[in-house]
């Protein structure tokens, strides 16, 4: 079955256990072998959660939704990771005083 890019974008994504992860916002394509590298999925408006889902993690796709394995993990944005490290360093410095 062939599916058009515009039909994948905004497609709701849920896990096998029924948890909503958001919707597909982009697709990363490997241009060397013309294969989908991963689906970019986001959830929320203010505190966006982001997932990169590999094709092997996709259980099924139909016109209404994409179902993925329960083991999909949220991607931590680099900026958030750096802020977290700074906060931990500050807490550690306070505890040493």
C-alpha atoms as a PDB file:
ATOM      1  CA  UNK A   1       0.000   0.000   0.000  1.00  0.00           C
ATOM      2  CA  UNK A   2       1.303   3.474  -0.871  1.00  0.00           C
ATOM      3  CA  UNK A   3       0.638   6.452   1.389  1.00  0.00           C
ATOM      4  CA  UNK A   4       1.178  10.087   0.467  1.00  0.00           C
ATOM      5  CA  UNK A   5       3.328  12.342   2.708  1.00  0.00           C
ATOM      6  CA  UNK A   6       0.422  14.735   3.296  1.00  0.00           C
ATOM      7  CA  UNK A   7      -1.673  11.826   4.626  1.00  0.00           C
ATOM      8  CA  UNK A   8       1.009  10.922   7.184  1.00  0.00           C
ATOM      9  CA  UNK A   9       1.541  14.457   8.522  1.00  0.00           C
ATOM     10  CA  UNK A  10      -0.879  15.216  11.403  1.00  0.00           C
ATOM     11  CA  UNK A  11      -1.726  11.511  11.699  1.00  0.00           C
ATOM     12  CA  UNK A  12      -2.432  10.665  15.374  1.00  0.00           C
ATOM     13  CA  UNK A  13       0.107   8.323  16.978  1.00  0.00           C
ATOM     14  CA  UNK A  14      -0.812   5.942  19.801  1.00  0.00           C
ATOM     15  CA  UNK A  15       1.006   3.114  21.546  1.00  0.00           C
ATOM     16  CA  UNK A  16      -0.197  -0.485  21.547  1.00  0.00           C
ATOM     17  CA  UNK A  17      -1.564   0.086  25.052  1.00  0.00           C
ATOM     18  CA  UNK A  18      -3.592   3.110  23.873  1.00  0.00           C
ATOM     19  CA  UNK A  19      -1.445   6.034  25.118  1.00  0.00           C
ATOM     20  CA  UNK A  20      -1.580   9.074  22.825  1.00  0.00           C
ATOM     21  CA  UNK A  21       1.883  10.325  21.839  1.00  0.00           C
ATOM     22  CA  UNK A  22       0.679  13.189  19.629  1.00  0.00           C
ATOM     23  CA  UNK A  23       0.798  13.434  15.872  1.00  0.00           C
ATOM     24  CA  UNK A  24       3.347  13.106  13.084  1.00  0.00           C
ATOM     25  CA  UNK A  25       4.883  16.514  12.310  1.00  0.00           C
ATOM     26  CA  UNK A  26       7.693  15.452   9.975  1.00  0.00           C
ATOM     27  CA  UNK A  27       9.501  12.521   8.405  1.00  0.00           C
ATOM     28  CA  UNK A  28      13.298  12.174   8.275  1.00  0.00           C
ATOM     29  CA  UNK A  29      14.332  10.555   5.006  1.00  0.00           C
ATOM     30  CA  UNK A  30      17.717   8.971   4.302  1.00  0.00           C
ATOM     31  CA  UNK A  31      18.512  10.371   0.861  1.00  0.00           C
ATOM     32  CA  UNK A  32      21.270   7.837   0.192  1.00  0.00           C
ATOM     33  CA  UNK A  33      18.945   4.840   0.162  1.00  0.00           C
ATOM     34  CA  UNK A  34      15.538   6.602  -0.098  1.00  0.00           C
ATOM     35  CA  UNK A  35      14.235   5.068   3.131  1.00  0.00           C
ATOM     36  CA  UNK A  36      12.388   6.659   6.047  1.00  0.00           C
ATOM     37  CA  UNK A  37      14.860   7.044   8.910  1.00  0.00           C
ATOM     38  CA  UNK A  38      12.250   8.078  11.497  1.00  0.00           C
ATOM     39  CA  UNK A  39       8.917   9.766  12.059  1.00  0.00           C
ATOM     40  CA  UNK A  40       8.968  12.963  14.132  1.00  0.00           C
ATOM     41  CA  UNK A  41       6.029  13.032  16.561  1.00  0.00           C
ATOM     42  CA  UNK A  42       5.113  15.934  18.852  1.00  0.00           C
ATOM     43  CA  UNK A  43       2.528  16.282  21.590  1.00  0.00           C
ATOM     44  CA  UNK A  44       1.349  19.473  23.283  1.00  0.00           C
ATOM     45  CA  UNK A  45       1.538  23.173  22.564  1.00  0.00           C
ATOM     46  CA  UNK A  46       3.508  24.810  25.390  1.00  0.00           C
ATOM     47  CA  UNK A  47       5.532  21.917  26.773  1.00  0.00           C
ATOM     48  CA  UNK A  48       6.047  19.939  23.612  1.00  0.00           C
ATOM     49  CA  UNK A  49       7.075  16.351  23.996  1.00  0.00           C
ATOM     50  CA  UNK A  50       8.995  15.045  21.007  1.00  0.00           C
ATOM     51  CA  UNK A  51       9.501  11.476  19.831  1.00  0.00           C
ATOM     52  CA  UNK A  52      11.616  10.058  17.009  1.00  0.00           C
ATOM     53  CA  UNK A  53      10.005   6.794  15.971  1.00  0.00           C
ATOM     54  CA  UNK A  54      11.915   4.315  13.845  1.00  0.00           C
ATOM     55  CA  UNK A  55       9.985   2.381  11.175  1.00  0.00           C
ATOM     56  CA  UNK A  56      10.693  -0.890  13.035  1.00  0.00           C
ATOM     57  CA  UNK A  57       8.767   0.528  16.033  1.00  0.00           C
ATOM     58  CA  UNK A  58       5.641   1.066  13.923  1.00  0.00           C
ATOM     59  CA  UNK A  59       3.109  -1.711  14.424  1.00  0.00           C
ATOM     60  CA  UNK A  60       0.545  -0.427  11.919  1.00  0.00           C
ATOM     61  CA  UNK A  61      -0.512   2.597   9.892  1.00  0.00           C
ATOM     62  CA  UNK A  62      -3.978   3.184   8.510  1.00  0.00           C
ATOM     63  CA  UNK A  63      -5.870   6.272   7.361  1.00  0.00           C
ATOM     64  CA  UNK A  64      -6.901   7.107  10.963  1.00  0.00           C
ATOM     65  CA  UNK A  65      -3.795   6.495  13.086  1.00  0.00           C
ATOM     66  CA  UNK A  66      -0.288   5.123  13.518  1.00  0.00           C
ATOM     67  CA  UNK A  67       0.156   2.472  16.223  1.00  0.00           C
ATOM     68  CA  UNK A  68       3.651   2.089  17.690  1.00  0.00           C
ATOM     69  CA  UNK A  69       5.337  -0.164  20.224  1.00  0.00           C
ATOM     70  CA  UNK A  70       4.939   0.714  23.897  1.00  0.00           C
ATOM     71  CA  UNK A  71       8.734   1.033  24.208  1.00  0.00           C
ATOM     72  CA  UNK A  72       8.951   4.383  22.345  1.00  0.00           C
ATOM     73  CA  UNK A  73      10.972   6.906  24.368  1.00  0.00           C
ATOM     74  CA  UNK A  74      10.591  10.683  24.452  1.00  0.00           C
ATOM     75  CA  UNK A  75      13.501  12.695  23.060  1.00  0.00           C
ATOM     76  CA  UNK A  76      14.958  15.260  25.464  1.00  0.00           C
ATOM     77  CA  UNK A  77      15.727  18.513  23.688  1.00  0.00           C
ATOM     78  CA  UNK A  78      19.386  19.549  23.874  1.00  0.00           C
ATOM     79  CA  UNK A  79      18.520  22.923  25.436  1.00  0.00           C
ATOM     80  CA  UNK A  80      16.451  21.260  28.167  1.00  0.00           C
ATOM     81  CA  UNK A  81      19.278  18.826  28.860  1.00  0.00           C
ATOM     82  CA  UNK A  82      21.780  21.678  29.271  1.00  0.00           C
ATOM     83  CA  UNK A  83      19.383  23.574  31.579  1.00  0.00           C
ATOM     84  CA  UNK A  84      18.982  20.434  33.669  1.00  0.00           C
ATOM     85  CA  UNK A  85      22.754  20.023  33.981  1.00  0.00           C
ATOM     86  CA  UNK A  86      23.102  23.662  35.090  1.00  0.00           C
ATOM     87  CA  UNK A  87      20.373  23.234  37.703  1.00  0.00           C
ATOM     88  CA  UNK A  88      22.034  20.083  39.059  1.00  0.00           C
ATOM     89  CA  UNK A  89      25.413  21.853  39.218  1.00  0.00           C
ATOM     90  CA  UNK A  90      23.808  24.718  41.175  1.00  0.00           C
ATOM     91  CA  UNK A  91      22.163  22.342  43.637  1.00  0.00           C
ATOM     92  CA  UNK A  92      25.445  20.486  44.093  1.00  0.00           C
ATOM     93  CA  UNK A  93      27.314  23.746  44.791  1.00  0.00           C
ATOM     94  CA  UNK A  94      24.709  24.789  47.383  1.00  0.00           C
ATOM     95  CA  UNK A  95      24.929  21.415  49.122  1.00  0.00           C
ATOM     96  CA  UNK A  96      28.724  21.705  49.359  1.00  0.00           C
ATOM     97  CA  UNK A  97      28.548  25.105  51.147  1.00  0.00           C
END
